[in-house]
Amino acid sequence: MTLTAPSTHPPIPWTRVCALDDILPGTGVCALIHGQQVAVFRVGGRVYATGNRDPYTGANVLSRGLTGSYTLNGETRVKVASPLLKHAFDLQSGLSLDDPRVSVPVYATRFDGGDVWTGSPA
């Protein structure tokens, strides 16, 4: 299986998060990167990273959320739903699907040599 990162500008520096095999398909993990909690997801053959803090509740729980897909303008996209109040966020843009004025930070990701890496927020 080939994993590709969402198309974002590659920031520097990159931080190793974990081995790809540490993230079960369809799930997320939380990593502490430069003092920030980052939720890293493995969904549909890709790796995504967002801030872990749910802006609706203030709780750091998005890495434990439910992942899934939805269609926007004929394009299939992926999302995560917070485990608390089930607000959903697009994993590529970070935008809330419930209120487009609300978002979570999105981090660039890459897959290299069996490891998942993340960069600065886009």
Protein backbone atom coordinates (compact mmCIF):
# COMPACT_ATOMS: atom_id res chain seq x y z
CA MET A 1 0.00 0.00 0.00
CA THR A 2 1.28 3.46 -0.85
CA LEU A 3 0.41 6.28 1.49
CA THR A 4 0.38 9.87 0.35
CA ALA A 5 0.07 13.04 2.34
CA PRO A 6 -2.54 15.73 1.67
CA SER A 7 -1.27 18.40 -0.70
CA THR A 8 0.16 21.08 1.57
CA HIS A 9 3.35 23.07 1.47
CA PRO A 10 6.08 21.05 3.21
CA PRO A 11 7.05 22.97 6.35
CA ILE A 12 10.33 22.62 8.18
CA PRO A 13 11.24 21.15 10.57
CA TRP A 14 9.64 17.74 10.30
CA THR A 15 9.02 15.72 13.46
CA ARG A 16 8.79 11.94 13.54
CA VAL A 17 5.49 10.92 15.13
CA CYS A 18 5.52 7.12 15.10
CA ALA A 19 5.77 4.06 12.89
CA LEU A 20 2.90 3.76 10.43
CA ASP A 21 2.03 0.37 11.92
CA ASP A 22 1.39 2.10 15.26
CA ILE A 23 -1.75 3.67 13.76
CA LEU A 24 -4.50 1.19 12.93
CA PRO A 25 -6.32 1.95 9.66
CA GLY A 26 -9.30 4.22 10.26
CA THR A 27 -8.04 5.48 13.61
CA GLY A 28 -5.91 8.22 15.11
CA VAL A 29 -3.21 8.70 17.71
CA CYS A 30 -2.16 11.73 19.71
CA ALA A 31 1.39 13.10 19.65
CA LEU A 32 2.94 15.92 21.65
CA ILE A 33 4.89 18.02 19.14
CA HIS A 34 6.67 21.16 20.30
CA GLY A 35 4.27 21.43 23.22
CA GLN A 36 1.13 21.02 21.07
CA GLN A 37 -1.19 18.02 21.03
CA VAL A 38 -1.53 16.82 17.44
CA ALA A 39 -4.05 14.18 16.28
CA VAL A 40 -2.60 11.96 13.54
CA PHE A 41 -4.98 9.79 11.50
CA ARG A 42 -4.54 6.92 9.05
CA VAL A 43 -7.55 6.92 6.75
CA GLY A 44 -8.06 5.56 3.24
CA GLY A 45 -4.39 4.98 2.52
CA ARG A 46 -3.38 8.48 3.63
CA VAL A 47 -2.10 10.15 6.77
CA TYR A 48 -3.64 13.38 8.11
CA ALA A 49 -2.81 15.53 11.13
CA THR A 50 -4.91 18.14 12.93
CA GLY A 51 -4.88 19.83 16.29
CA ASN A 52 -6.18 17.47 18.97
CA ARG A 53 -8.30 20.11 20.75
CA ASP A 54 -12.02 20.09 20.02
CA PRO A 55 -12.88 23.80 19.69
CA TYR A 56 -16.48 23.19 20.77
CA THR A 57 -15.61 21.65 24.15
CA GLY A 58 -11.97 22.60 24.72
CA ALA A 59 -11.11 18.95 25.36
CA ASN A 60 -8.09 17.32 23.71
CA VAL A 61 -9.95 14.35 22.24
CA LEU A 62 -10.02 14.50 18.42
CA SER A 63 -7.43 11.71 18.08
CA ARG A 64 -10.05 9.39 19.63
CA GLY A 65 -12.76 10.50 17.22
CA LEU A 66 -14.59 8.46 14.62
CA THR A 67 -13.28 8.78 11.07
CA GLY A 68 -15.38 8.53 7.94
CA SER A 69 -16.04 10.01 4.54
CA TYR A 70 -18.50 12.48 3.08
CA THR A 71 -19.12 14.04 -0.33
CA LEU A 72 -18.57 17.73 -1.07
CA ASN A 73 -19.32 19.01 -4.58
CA GLY A 74 -18.99 15.49 -5.98
CA GLU A 75 -15.62 14.90 -4.27
CA THR A 76 -15.21 12.25 -1.56
CA ARG A 77 -13.44 13.71 1.47
CA VAL A 78 -12.54 12.40 4.92
CA LYS A 79 -13.59 13.66 8.32
CA VAL A 80 -13.25 13.01 12.02
CA ALA A 81 -16.13 13.37 14.48
CA SER A 82 -15.30 14.39 18.02
CA PRO A 83 -16.08 11.62 20.49
CA LEU A 84 -17.80 14.09 22.82
CA LEU A 85 -20.47 16.04 20.93
CA LYS A 86 -19.91 14.45 17.49
CA HIS A 87 -18.99 17.70 15.72
CA ALA A 88 -17.17 16.72 12.51
CA PHE A 89 -14.05 18.27 10.97
CA ASP A 90 -12.63 17.87 7.47
CA LEU A 91 -9.21 16.22 7.78
CA GLN A 92 -7.72 18.13 4.85
CA SER A 93 -8.93 21.65 5.62
CA GLY A 94 -9.68 21.44 9.35
CA LEU A 95 -13.04 23.16 8.80
CA SER A 96 -15.99 22.20 10.95
CA LEU A 97 -18.75 20.54 8.95
CA ASP A 98 -21.25 21.99 11.43
CA ASP A 99 -20.08 25.62 11.34
CA PRO A 100 -17.53 26.79 8.72
CA ARG A 101 -16.47 29.63 11.05
CA VAL A 102 -14.92 27.00 13.35
CA SER A 103 -11.80 25.00 12.48
CA VAL A 104 -8.87 23.05 13.86
CA PRO A 105 -5.26 23.52 12.74
CA VAL A 106 -4.08 21.18 9.97
CA TYR A 107 -0.50 19.92 9.87
CA ALA A 108 1.44 18.76 6.84
CA THR A 109 2.29 15.05 6.94
CA ARG A 110 4.60 12.70 5.14
CA PHE A 111 5.34 9.01 5.16
CA ASP A 112 8.99 7.96 4.91
CA GLY A 113 10.68 4.61 5.55
CA GLY A 114 7.77 3.20 7.53
CA ASP A 115 7.51 6.29 9.73
CA VAL A 116 4.93 9.06 9.92
CA TRP A 117 6.23 12.61 10.09
CA THR A 118 4.41 15.89 10.67
CA GLY A 119 5.39 19.47 10.08
CA SER A 120 4.16 22.87 11.17
CA PRO A 121 0.50 23.83 10.86
CA ALA A 122 -0.47 24.85 7.32
